[in-house]
Amino acid sequence: MNAFFQSLGRTLLAGLALLALVFLSARSDLLDLHTLSWWTFVMRWLHVAAAILWLGLLGYFNFVQIPAMPRIPDAQKPAIIQIIAPAALFWFRWAALATVFLGLGLASMTHALLPALRLQAPYTAIGIGMWLGLLMAFNVWFILWPLQKKVLGLVPAESLARAQAARTSQLVSRINLMLSVPMLYCMVAQSHGGL
């Protein structure tokens, strides 16, 4: 059993198998692969799963890594900068992109894309959430990632430029954390009557 859970891939496959069992036992009436509602459900599930990964990593950076860095001895910081941060940033930026594309696909499938982007009723809440998510994803790809490449030494930068990039990326990350609060509210409120 220990060897099984040593593998991330096997663990995720087992989770998907459990999901299939749960779904088949609880919602077998919906298992019609020829309906739009089935594919809408799948798209929504994938969108939420990607968003959890994205926002979970945003939380990790803001609640764990950034506050802990000053307390980590200098001799141990290379492990964070060379191994942990690049891996976390890889999943962070690709989860952001997946969340956006899956969300736009979902909105398109439900014919809500243009009304939501225009903030038209009854899609105002989801539209606000979409715009906040798009802004956050823009920050990830076009502001945070270029800054982090300097911080991690993936692109040449002098020590002063690296320090400035670290400070700026922390600020942008905190902005994304702030934006995630109303964004999550809007995403949930749209389908659960919170607005």
N, C-alpha and C. Protein backbone atom coordinates (compact mmCIF):
# COMPACT_ATOMS: atom_id res chain seq x y z
N MET A 1 0.83 -1.19 0.00
CA MET A 1 0.00 0.00 0.00
C MET A 1 0.88 1.25 0.00
N ASN A 2 1.96 1.20 0.79
CA ASN A 2 2.86 2.34 0.85
C ASN A 2 3.45 2.64 -0.52
N ALA A 3 3.85 1.60 -1.25
CA ALA A 3 4.44 1.78 -2.58
C ALA A 3 3.42 2.39 -3.54
N PHE A 4 2.15 2.00 -3.39
CA PHE A 4 1.10 2.53 -4.25
C PHE A 4 1.00 4.05 -4.11
N PHE A 5 0.97 4.54 -2.87
CA PHE A 5 0.81 5.96 -2.64
C PHE A 5 2.11 6.76 -2.81
N GLN A 6 3.21 6.07 -3.07
CA GLN A 6 4.45 6.76 -3.41
C GLN A 6 4.35 7.38 -4.80
N SER A 7 3.47 6.85 -5.63
CA SER A 7 3.33 7.33 -7.00
C SER A 7 2.17 8.33 -7.09
N LEU A 8 2.49 9.55 -7.51
CA LEU A 8 1.45 10.56 -7.70
C LEU A 8 0.47 10.13 -8.79
N GLY A 9 1.00 9.59 -9.88
CA GLY A 9 0.14 9.14 -10.98
C GLY A 9 -0.83 8.06 -10.56
N ARG A 10 -0.35 7.04 -9.84
CA ARG A 10 -1.25 5.96 -9.38
C ARG A 10 -2.28 6.49 -8.39
N THR A 11 -1.87 7.43 -7.55
CA THR A 11 -2.80 8.01 -6.58
C THR A 11 -3.91 8.78 -7.30
N LEU A 12 -3.54 9.57 -8.30
CA LEU A 12 -4.55 10.31 -9.06
C LEU A 12 -5.47 9.38 -9.84
N LEU A 13 -4.91 8.34 -10.44
CA LEU A 13 -5.75 7.36 -11.15
C LEU A 13 -6.71 6.66 -10.20
N ALA A 14 -6.25 6.34 -9.00
CA ALA A 14 -7.14 5.73 -8.01
C ALA A 14 -8.24 6.70 -7.61
N GLY A 15 -7.89 7.99 -7.48
CA GLY A 15 -8.91 8.98 -7.17
C GLY A 15 -9.96 9.07 -8.27
N LEU A 16 -9.51 9.02 -9.53
CA LEU A 16 -10.46 9.05 -10.65
C LEU A 16 -11.33 7.78 -10.67
N ALA A 17 -10.74 6.64 -10.34
CA ALA A 17 -11.52 5.40 -10.27
C ALA A 17 -12.57 5.50 -9.17
N LEU A 18 -12.19 6.04 -8.02
CA LEU A 18 -13.17 6.24 -6.95
C LEU A 18 -14.26 7.21 -7.38
N LEU A 19 -13.88 8.26 -8.09
CA LEU A 19 -14.87 9.20 -8.61
C LEU A 19 -15.86 8.49 -9.52
N ALA A 20 -15.35 7.63 -10.39
CA ALA A 20 -16.24 6.89 -11.30
C ALA A 20 -17.21 6.02 -10.51
N LEU A 21 -16.71 5.35 -9.47
CA LEU A 21 -17.59 4.51 -8.64
C LEU A 21 -18.66 5.35 -7.94
N VAL A 22 -18.24 6.46 -7.37
CA VAL A 22 -19.20 7.35 -6.69
C VAL A 22 -20.24 7.85 -7.68
N PHE A 23 -19.77 8.28 -8.83
CA PHE A 23 -20.69 8.83 -9.82
C PHE A 23 -21.66 7.77 -10.32
N LEU A 24 -21.16 6.59 -10.62
CA LEU A 24 -22.03 5.53 -11.12
C LEU A 24 -23.06 5.09 -10.09
N SER A 25 -22.68 5.09 -8.82
CA SER A 25 -23.62 4.66 -7.81
C SER A 25 -24.62 5.76 -7.45
N ALA A 26 -24.19 7.02 -7.54
CA ALA A 26 -25.07 8.10 -7.11
C ALA A 26 -25.85 8.73 -8.26
N ARG A 27 -25.27 8.80 -9.45
CA ARG A 27 -25.88 9.53 -10.55
C ARG A 27 -25.88 8.75 -11.85
N SER A 28 -26.15 7.47 -11.79
CA SER A 28 -26.11 6.67 -13.01
C SER A 28 -27.11 7.17 -14.05
N ASP A 29 -28.15 7.88 -13.61
CA ASP A 29 -29.14 8.42 -14.55
C ASP A 29 -28.54 9.50 -15.45
N LEU A 30 -27.43 10.10 -15.05
CA LEU A 30 -26.81 11.15 -15.84
C LEU A 30 -25.73 10.64 -16.78
N LEU A 31 -25.43 9.37 -16.71
CA LEU A 31 -24.32 8.83 -17.50
C LEU A 31 -24.76 8.60 -18.95
N ASP A 32 -25.09 9.68 -19.61
CA ASP A 32 -25.44 9.64 -21.03
C ASP A 32 -24.45 10.54 -21.75
N LEU A 33 -23.45 9.91 -22.35
CA LEU A 33 -22.36 10.66 -22.95
C LEU A 33 -22.78 11.46 -24.18
N HIS A 34 -24.02 11.31 -24.60
CA HIS A 34 -24.50 12.00 -25.80
C HIS A 34 -25.23 13.29 -25.47
N THR A 35 -25.29 13.66 -24.19
CA THR A 35 -26.03 14.87 -23.84
C THR A 35 -25.07 16.01 -23.51
N LEU A 36 -25.52 17.21 -23.79
CA LEU A 36 -24.75 18.40 -23.45
C LEU A 36 -24.60 18.53 -21.94
N SER A 37 -25.61 18.11 -21.19
CA SER A 37 -25.53 18.25 -19.73
C SER A 37 -24.39 17.40 -19.16
N TRP A 38 -24.15 16.22 -19.73
CA TRP A 38 -23.04 15.38 -19.27
C TRP A 38 -21.72 16.08 -19.51
N TRP A 39 -21.48 16.60 -20.71
CA TRP A 39 -20.22 17.25 -21.04
C TRP A 39 -20.07 18.58 -20.32
N THR A 40 -21.18 19.25 -20.05
CA THR A 40 -21.13 20.47 -19.25
C THR A 40 -20.68 20.14 -17.83
N PHE A 41 -21.21 19.05 -17.30
CA PHE A 41 -20.80 18.60 -15.97
C PHE A 41 -19.32 18.29 -15.94
N VAL A 42 -18.82 17.54 -16.93
CA VAL A 42 -17.41 17.18 -17.00
C VAL A 42 -16.54 18.44 -17.09
N MET A 43 -16.96 19.38 -17.93
CA MET A 43 -16.20 20.62 -18.08
C MET A 43 -16.19 21.41 -16.77
N ARG A 44 -17.33 21.46 -16.07
CA ARG A 44 -17.38 22.17 -14.79
C ARG A 44 -16.48 21.50 -13.77
N TRP A 45 -16.49 20.19 -13.72
CA TRP A 45 -15.64 19.47 -12.77
C TRP A 45 -14.17 19.74 -13.05
N LEU A 46 -13.77 19.68 -14.31
CA LEU A 46 -12.38 19.95 -14.67
C LEU A 46 -11.99 21.39 -14.34
N HIS A 47 -12.91 22.32 -14.60
CA HIS A 47 -12.67 23.74 -14.30
C HIS A 47 -12.45 23.93 -12.80
N VAL A 48 -13.29 23.33 -11.99
CA VAL A 48 -13.16 23.44 -10.54
C VAL A 48 -11.88 22.76 -10.05
N ALA A 49 -11.55 21.59 -10.61
CA ALA A 49 -10.33 20.89 -10.19
C ALA A 49 -9.09 21.73 -10.52
N ALA A 50 -9.05 22.31 -11.71
CA ALA A 50 -7.91 23.17 -12.08
C ALA A 50 -7.85 24.40 -11.17
N ALA A 51 -9.01 24.98 -10.87
CA ALA A 51 -9.06 26.18 -10.02
C ALA A 51 -8.58 25.86 -8.60
N ILE A 52 -8.92 24.68 -8.10
CA ILE A 52 -8.45 24.30 -6.76
C ILE A 52 -6.93 24.20 -6.75
N LEU A 53 -6.35 23.61 -7.79
CA LEU A 53 -4.89 23.52 -7.86
C LEU A 53 -4.28 24.92 -7.93
N TRP A 54 -4.83 25.77 -8.80
CA TRP A 54 -4.31 27.13 -8.97
C TRP A 54 -4.39 27.92 -7.66
N LEU A 55 -5.58 27.95 -7.07
CA LEU A 55 -5.75 28.76 -5.86
C LEU A 55 -5.08 28.12 -4.65
N GLY A 56 -4.97 26.80 -4.66
CA GLY A 56 -4.22 26.14 -3.59
C GLY A 56 -2.75 26.54 -3.61
N LEU A 57 -2.19 26.61 -4.80
CA LEU A 57 -0.80 27.05 -4.90
C LEU A 57 -0.65 28.53 -4.60
N LEU A 58 -1.63 29.34 -4.97
CA LEU A 58 -1.62 30.75 -4.59
C LEU A 58 -1.60 30.87 -3.06
N GLY A 59 -2.40 30.05 -2.40
CA GLY A 59 -2.39 30.02 -0.94
C GLY A 59 -1.07 29.54 -0.39
N TYR A 60 -0.49 28.51 -1.01
CA TYR A 60 0.81 28.01 -0.56
C TYR A 60 1.85 29.13 -0.61
N PHE A 61 1.91 29.84 -1.73
CA PHE A 61 2.91 30.90 -1.85
C PHE A 61 2.69 31.98 -0.80
N ASN A 62 1.45 32.40 -0.60
CA ASN A 62 1.16 33.54 0.27
C ASN A 62 1.11 33.19 1.76
N PHE A 63 0.70 31.98 2.10
CA PHE A 63 0.57 31.60 3.51
C PHE A 63 1.76 30.79 4.02
N VAL A 64 2.53 30.18 3.11
CA VAL A 64 3.61 29.30 3.55
C VAL A 64 4.98 29.79 3.05
N GLN A 65 5.19 29.77 1.74
CA GLN A 65 6.55 30.01 1.23
C GLN A 65 7.03 31.43 1.49
N ILE A 66 6.26 32.44 1.12
CA ILE A 66 6.72 33.82 1.29
C ILE A 66 6.99 34.15 2.76
N PRO A 67 6.04 33.83 3.69
CA PRO A 67 6.34 34.14 5.09
C PRO A 67 7.49 33.33 5.68
N ALA A 68 7.71 32.11 5.17
CA ALA A 68 8.76 31.25 5.73
C ALA A 68 10.15 31.60 5.22
N MET A 69 10.27 32.19 4.05
CA MET A 69 11.59 32.43 3.45
C MET A 69 12.55 33.20 4.37
N PRO A 70 12.13 34.25 5.07
CA PRO A 70 13.09 34.95 5.94
C PRO A 70 13.62 34.08 7.08
N ARG A 71 12.88 33.05 7.48
CA ARG A 71 13.30 32.20 8.59
C ARG A 71 14.13 31.00 8.14
N ILE A 72 14.21 30.78 6.84
CA ILE A 72 14.99 29.65 6.33
C ILE A 72 16.46 30.05 6.28
N PRO A 73 17.34 29.23 6.85
CA PRO A 73 18.78 29.54 6.80
C PRO A 73 19.26 29.67 5.35
N ASP A 74 20.17 30.59 5.13
CA ASP A 74 20.67 30.85 3.78
C ASP A 74 21.18 29.59 3.09
N ALA A 75 21.77 28.69 3.85
CA ALA A 75 22.30 27.45 3.26
C ALA A 75 21.19 26.56 2.70
N GLN A 76 19.97 26.70 3.21
CA GLN A 76 18.86 25.86 2.76
C GLN A 76 18.00 26.52 1.68
N LYS A 77 18.15 27.83 1.49
CA LYS A 77 17.32 28.54 0.50
C LYS A 77 17.49 28.03 -0.92
N PRO A 78 18.69 27.59 -1.33
CA PRO A 78 18.80 27.07 -2.70
C PRO A 78 17.85 25.92 -3.00
N ALA A 79 17.53 25.10 -2.01
CA ALA A 79 16.59 24.00 -2.23
C ALA A 79 15.21 24.53 -2.60
N ILE A 80 14.80 25.61 -1.94
CA ILE A 80 13.51 26.22 -2.25
C ILE A 80 13.58 26.85 -3.64
N ILE A 81 14.61 27.64 -3.87
CA ILE A 81 14.72 28.42 -5.11
C ILE A 81 14.99 27.54 -6.33
N GLN A 82 15.74 26.47 -6.16
CA GLN A 82 16.12 25.65 -7.31
C GLN A 82 15.21 24.45 -7.55
N ILE A 83 14.51 23.99 -6.51
CA ILE A 83 13.73 22.76 -6.67
C ILE A 83 12.24 22.99 -6.42
N ILE A 84 11.89 23.48 -5.24
CA ILE A 84 10.48 23.58 -4.86
C ILE A 84 9.76 24.67 -5.63
N ALA A 85 10.31 25.88 -5.63
CA ALA A 85 9.62 27.00 -6.28
C ALA A 85 9.41 26.77 -7.78
N PRO A 86 10.42 26.30 -8.53
CA PRO A 86 10.16 26.07 -9.96
C PRO A 86 9.05 25.05 -10.21
N ALA A 87 9.02 23.98 -9.41
CA ALA A 87 7.96 22.99 -9.58
C ALA A 87 6.59 23.57 -9.23
N ALA A 88 6.52 24.31 -8.12
CA ALA A 88 5.25 24.92 -7.73
C ALA A 88 4.80 25.95 -8.76
N LEU A 89 5.73 26.73 -9.29
CA LEU A 89 5.38 27.73 -10.29
C LEU A 89 4.95 27.10 -11.61
N PHE A 90 5.53 25.96 -11.95
CA PHE A 90 5.09 25.24 -13.15
C PHE A 90 3.61 24.89 -13.03
N TRP A 91 3.24 24.22 -11.95
CA TRP A 91 1.84 23.83 -11.76
C TRP A 91 0.93 25.04 -11.58
N PHE A 92 1.45 26.06 -10.92
CA PHE A 92 0.68 27.28 -10.67
C PHE A 92 0.26 27.95 -11.98
N ARG A 93 1.21 28.16 -12.87
CA ARG A 93 0.85 28.89 -14.09
C ARG A 93 0.03 28.04 -15.05
N TRP A 94 0.31 26.73 -15.13
CA TRP A 94 -0.48 25.89 -16.03
C TRP A 94 -1.88 25.64 -15.48
N ALA A 95 -2.01 25.58 -14.16
CA ALA A 95 -3.35 25.46 -13.56
C ALA A 95 -4.15 26.73 -13.81
N ALA A 96 -3.48 27.88 -13.77
CA ALA A 96 -4.17 29.15 -14.08
C ALA A 96 -4.69 29.13 -15.50
N LEU A 97 -3.85 28.72 -16.44
CA LEU A 97 -4.25 28.68 -17.84
C LEU A 97 -5.38 27.67 -18.06
N ALA A 98 -5.26 26.50 -17.46
CA ALA A 98 -6.31 25.48 -17.59
C ALA A 98 -7.62 25.98 -17.01
N THR A 99 -7.56 26.64 -15.86
CA THR A 99 -8.77 27.17 -15.23
C THR A 99 -9.46 28.15 -16.16
N VAL A 100 -8.69 29.05 -16.76
CA VAL A 100 -9.28 30.05 -17.65
C VAL A 100 -9.90 29.39 -18.88
N PHE A 101 -9.16 28.52 -19.55
CA PHE A 101 -9.70 27.92 -20.77
C PHE A 101 -10.88 27.00 -20.48
N LEU A 102 -10.81 26.24 -19.41
CA LEU A 102 -11.95 25.39 -19.06
C LEU A 102 -13.17 26.23 -18.68
N GLY A 103 -12.94 27.33 -17.96
CA GLY A 103 -14.04 28.23 -17.59
C GLY A 103 -14.67 28.89 -18.81
N LEU A 104 -13.83 29.35 -19.73
CA LEU A 104 -14.37 29.95 -20.95
C LEU A 104 -15.12 28.91 -21.79
N GLY A 105 -14.58 27.70 -21.84
CA GLY A 105 -15.27 26.61 -22.54
C GLY A 105 -16.60 26.28 -21.90
N LEU A 106 -16.63 26.22 -20.59
CA LEU A 106 -17.87 25.95 -19.87
C LEU A 106 -18.90 27.05 -20.14
N ALA A 107 -18.46 28.30 -20.05
CA ALA A 107 -19.38 29.41 -20.30
C ALA A 107 -19.90 29.38 -21.73
N SER A 108 -19.04 29.00 -22.65
CA SER A 108 -19.47 28.89 -24.05
C SER A 108 -20.49 27.78 -24.22
N MET A 109 -20.25 26.63 -23.58
CA MET A 109 -21.17 25.50 -23.68
C MET A 109 -22.55 25.83 -23.13
N THR A 110 -22.60 26.69 -22.13
CA THR A 110 -23.88 27.05 -21.51
C THR A 110 -24.44 28.36 -22.08
N HIS A 111 -23.84 28.84 -23.15
CA HIS A 111 -24.28 30.07 -23.83
C HIS A 111 -24.25 31.28 -22.91
N ALA A 112 -23.33 31.27 -21.97
CA ALA A 112 -23.22 32.37 -21.01
C ALA A 112 -21.99 33.23 -21.25
N LEU A 113 -21.13 32.85 -22.19
CA LEU A 113 -19.85 33.52 -22.34
C LEU A 113 -20.00 35.02 -22.64
N LEU A 114 -20.67 35.37 -23.71
CA LEU A 114 -20.77 36.79 -24.07
C LEU A 114 -21.60 37.58 -23.07
N PRO A 115 -22.76 37.08 -22.62
CA PRO A 115 -23.49 37.85 -21.61
C PRO A 115 -22.69 38.03 -20.31
N ALA A 116 -21.94 37.02 -19.92
CA ALA A 116 -21.14 37.14 -18.69
C ALA A 116 -20.02 38.16 -18.88
N LEU A 117 -19.33 38.08 -20.00
CA LEU A 117 -18.25 39.05 -20.24
C LEU A 117 -18.78 40.48 -20.34
N ARG A 118 -20.02 40.61 -20.77
CA ARG A 118 -20.66 41.94 -20.85
C ARG A 118 -21.32 42.32 -19.52
N LEU A 119 -21.23 41.44 -18.54
CA LEU A 119 -21.84 41.64 -17.21
C LEU A 119 -23.34 41.85 -17.29
N GLN A 120 -23.97 41.08 -18.18
CA GLN A 120 -25.42 41.17 -18.36
C GLN A 120 -26.12 40.20 -17.41
N ALA A 121 -27.27 40.62 -16.89
CA ALA A 121 -28.09 39.74 -16.06
C ALA A 121 -28.58 38.60 -16.94
N PRO A 122 -28.72 37.42 -16.45
CA PRO A 122 -28.51 36.97 -15.07
C PRO A 122 -27.09 36.48 -14.80
N TYR A 123 -26.14 36.88 -15.63
CA TYR A 123 -24.77 36.36 -15.52
C TYR A 123 -23.80 37.38 -14.93
N THR A 124 -24.30 38.36 -14.22
CA THR A 124 -23.43 39.41 -13.70
C THR A 124 -22.39 38.86 -12.74
N ALA A 125 -22.80 38.03 -11.81
CA ALA A 125 -21.86 37.50 -10.82
C ALA A 125 -20.77 36.67 -11.48
N ILE A 126 -21.18 35.74 -12.36
CA ILE A 126 -20.18 34.91 -13.01
C ILE A 126 -19.28 35.76 -13.91
N GLY A 127 -19.85 36.80 -14.50
CA GLY A 127 -19.06 37.71 -15.32
C GLY A 127 -18.00 38.44 -14.52
N ILE A 128 -18.36 38.93 -13.35
CA ILE A 128 -17.38 39.58 -12.48
C ILE A 128 -16.29 38.58 -12.11
N GLY A 129 -16.71 37.36 -11.75
CA GLY A 129 -15.74 36.32 -11.43
C GLY A 129 -14.82 36.00 -12.60
N MET A 130 -15.38 35.97 -13.81
CA MET A 130 -14.57 35.70 -15.00
C MET A 130 -13.54 36.81 -15.22
N TRP A 131 -13.97 38.06 -15.12
CA TRP A 131 -13.03 39.16 -15.32
C TRP A 131 -11.93 39.16 -14.27
N LEU A 132 -12.29 38.86 -13.02
CA LEU A 132 -11.27 38.78 -11.97
C LEU A 132 -10.30 37.63 -12.25
N GLY A 133 -10.84 36.49 -12.66
CA GLY A 133 -9.99 35.34 -13.00
C GLY A 133 -9.08 35.63 -14.18
N LEU A 134 -9.59 36.31 -15.19
CA LEU A 134 -8.76 36.68 -16.34
C LEU A 134 -7.64 37.62 -15.92
N LEU A 135 -7.95 38.58 -15.07
CA LEU A 135 -6.92 39.50 -14.57
C LEU A 135 -5.86 38.75 -13.77
N MET A 136 -6.31 37.83 -12.93
CA MET A 136 -5.38 37.04 -12.13
C MET A 136 -4.47 36.19 -13.02
N ALA A 137 -5.06 35.55 -14.04
CA ALA A 137 -4.27 34.72 -14.95
C ALA A 137 -3.28 35.58 -15.74
N PHE A 138 -3.70 36.77 -16.15
CA PHE A 138 -2.79 37.70 -16.81
C PHE A 138 -1.61 38.01 -15.89
N ASN A 139 -1.90 38.30 -14.63
CA ASN A 139 -0.83 38.57 -13.66
C ASN A 139 0.13 37.39 -13.55
N VAL A 140 -0.42 36.18 -13.52
CA VAL A 140 0.42 34.98 -13.39
C VAL A 140 1.39 34.87 -14.57
N TRP A 141 0.86 34.95 -15.78
CA TRP A 141 1.67 34.68 -16.96
C TRP A 141 2.54 35.85 -17.40
N PHE A 142 2.04 37.08 -17.26
CA PHE A 142 2.74 38.21 -17.87
C PHE A 142 3.43 39.13 -16.87
N ILE A 143 3.19 38.92 -15.58
CA ILE A 143 3.88 39.72 -14.57
C ILE A 143 4.66 38.81 -13.62
N LEU A 144 3.96 37.89 -12.95
CA LEU A 144 4.63 37.03 -11.97
C LEU A 144 5.69 36.12 -12.61
N TRP A 145 5.35 35.43 -13.67
CA TRP A 145 6.28 34.47 -14.25
C TRP A 145 7.56 35.16 -14.75
N PRO A 146 7.49 36.27 -15.49
CA PRO A 146 8.74 36.93 -15.87
C PRO A 146 9.57 37.40 -14.67
N LEU A 147 8.89 37.86 -13.62
CA LEU A 147 9.63 38.26 -12.41
C LEU A 147 10.27 37.06 -11.74
N GLN A 148 9.52 35.98 -11.64
CA GLN A 148 10.04 34.79 -10.97
C GLN A 148 11.19 34.16 -11.74
N LYS A 149 11.19 34.30 -13.05
CA LYS A 149 12.34 33.78 -13.82
C LYS A 149 13.62 34.50 -13.41
N LYS A 150 13.51 35.78 -13.07
CA LYS A 150 14.69 36.51 -12.57
C LYS A 150 15.06 36.02 -11.18
N VAL A 151 14.04 35.89 -10.31
CA VAL A 151 14.29 35.46 -8.94
C VAL A 151 14.95 34.08 -8.90
N LEU A 152 14.48 33.18 -9.75
CA LEU A 152 14.98 31.81 -9.75
C LEU A 152 16.29 31.66 -10.54
N GLY A 153 16.72 32.72 -11.19
CA GLY A 153 17.94 32.65 -11.97
C GLY A 153 17.77 31.96 -13.31
N LEU A 154 16.55 31.86 -13.80
CA LEU A 154 16.31 31.23 -15.09
C LEU A 154 16.64 32.18 -16.25
N VAL A 155 16.66 33.47 -15.95
CA VAL A 155 17.12 34.48 -16.91
C VAL A 155 18.17 35.31 -16.18
N PRO A 156 19.13 35.83 -16.91
CA PRO A 156 20.18 36.62 -16.26
C PRO A 156 19.61 37.89 -15.60
N ALA A 157 20.02 38.13 -14.39
CA ALA A 157 19.63 39.35 -13.67
C ALA A 157 20.64 39.58 -12.56
N GLU A 158 20.99 40.83 -12.37
CA GLU A 158 21.91 41.18 -11.29
C GLU A 158 21.20 41.05 -9.95
N SER A 159 21.95 40.99 -8.87
CA SER A 159 21.37 40.74 -7.55
C SER A 159 20.34 41.81 -7.17
N LEU A 160 20.58 43.07 -7.52
CA LEU A 160 19.62 44.13 -7.23
C LEU A 160 18.32 43.91 -8.00
N ALA A 161 18.42 43.54 -9.27
CA ALA A 161 17.24 43.27 -10.09
C ALA A 161 16.48 42.05 -9.55
N ARG A 162 17.21 41.05 -9.08
CA ARG A 162 16.55 39.87 -8.48
C ARG A 162 15.79 40.25 -7.22
N ALA A 163 16.40 41.05 -6.39
CA ALA A 163 15.74 41.47 -5.15
C ALA A 163 14.49 42.29 -5.46
N GLN A 164 14.58 43.18 -6.43
CA GLN A 164 13.43 43.98 -6.82
C GLN A 164 12.33 43.10 -7.41
N ALA A 165 12.73 42.13 -8.22
CA ALA A 165 11.76 41.20 -8.81
C ALA A 165 11.06 40.39 -7.71
N ALA A 166 11.78 39.99 -6.68
CA ALA A 166 11.18 39.25 -5.57
C ALA A 166 10.15 40.11 -4.84
N ARG A 167 10.49 41.37 -4.58
CA ARG A 167 9.54 42.26 -3.90
C ARG A 167 8.31 42.52 -4.75
N THR A 168 8.51 42.78 -6.03
CA THR A 168 7.38 43.05 -6.92
C THR A 168 6.50 41.83 -7.09
N SER A 169 7.11 40.65 -7.22
CA SER A 169 6.31 39.44 -7.38
C SER A 169 5.50 39.14 -6.12
N GLN A 170 6.06 39.45 -4.96
CA GLN A 170 5.29 39.27 -3.73
C GLN A 170 4.07 40.19 -3.72
N LEU A 171 4.25 41.42 -4.15
CA LEU A 171 3.15 42.37 -4.21
C LEU A 171 2.07 41.89 -5.19
N VAL A 172 2.48 41.46 -6.37
CA VAL A 172 1.52 40.98 -7.38
C VAL A 172 0.83 39.72 -6.89
N SER A 173 1.55 38.86 -6.21
CA SER A 173 0.94 37.65 -5.65
C SER A 173 -0.11 38.01 -4.61
N ARG A 174 0.19 39.00 -3.79
CA ARG A 174 -0.80 39.44 -2.79
C ARG A 174 -2.01 40.08 -3.46
N ILE A 175 -1.79 40.78 -4.56
CA ILE A 175 -2.93 41.34 -5.31
C ILE A 175 -3.80 40.20 -5.82
N ASN A 176 -3.18 39.15 -6.36
CA ASN A 176 -3.97 38.00 -6.81
C ASN A 176 -4.70 37.33 -5.66
N LEU A 177 -4.06 37.23 -4.51
CA LEU A 177 -4.74 36.67 -3.34
C LEU A 177 -5.97 37.50 -2.98
N MET A 178 -5.81 38.83 -2.99
CA MET A 178 -6.93 39.72 -2.70
C MET A 178 -8.04 39.53 -3.73
N LEU A 179 -7.69 39.46 -5.01
CA LEU A 179 -8.69 39.30 -6.07
C LEU A 179 -9.39 37.95 -5.98
N SER A 180 -8.69 36.94 -5.45
CA SER A 180 -9.29 35.60 -5.39
C SER A 180 -10.48 35.55 -4.44
N VAL A 181 -10.51 36.43 -3.44
CA VAL A 181 -11.62 36.40 -2.48
C VAL A 181 -12.94 36.77 -3.15
N PRO A 182 -13.05 37.94 -3.81
CA PRO A 182 -14.32 38.22 -4.49
C PRO A 182 -14.54 37.33 -5.71
N MET A 183 -13.46 36.88 -6.36
CA MET A 183 -13.63 36.00 -7.50
C MET A 183 -14.29 34.70 -7.09
N LEU A 184 -13.82 34.10 -6.00
CA LEU A 184 -14.44 32.86 -5.52
C LEU A 184 -15.89 33.08 -5.12
N TYR A 185 -16.15 34.20 -4.46
CA TYR A 185 -17.53 34.50 -4.07
C TYR A 185 -18.43 34.57 -5.31
N CYS A 186 -17.99 35.29 -6.32
CA CYS A 186 -18.80 35.44 -7.53
C CYS A 186 -19.02 34.10 -8.22
N MET A 187 -18.00 33.27 -8.28
CA MET A 187 -18.13 31.99 -8.95
C MET A 187 -19.14 31.09 -8.23
N VAL A 188 -19.12 31.11 -6.91
CA VAL A 188 -20.04 30.27 -6.15
C VAL A 188 -21.43 30.91 -6.10
N ALA A 189 -21.47 32.23 -5.96
CA ALA A 189 -22.74 32.93 -5.82
C ALA A 189 -23.62 32.78 -7.06
N GLN A 190 -23.01 32.70 -8.23
CA GLN A 190 -23.79 32.61 -9.46
C GLN A 190 -24.73 31.41 -9.45
N SER A 191 -24.21 30.27 -9.01
CA SER A 191 -25.04 29.06 -9.06
C SER A 191 -25.72 28.74 -7.74
N HIS A 192 -25.40 29.50 -6.70
CA HIS A 192 -25.99 29.19 -5.39
C HIS A 192 -26.73 30.36 -4.78
N GLY A 193 -27.11 31.33 -5.59
CA GLY A 193 -27.98 32.40 -5.14
C GLY A 193 -27.38 33.40 -4.17
N GLY A 194 -26.07 33.61 -4.22
CA GLY A 194 -25.46 34.56 -3.30
C GLY A 194 -25.50 36.00 -3.76
N LEU A 195 -25.91 36.24 -5.00
CA LEU A 195 -26.04 37.61 -5.54
C LEU A 195 -27.42 37.81 -6.10
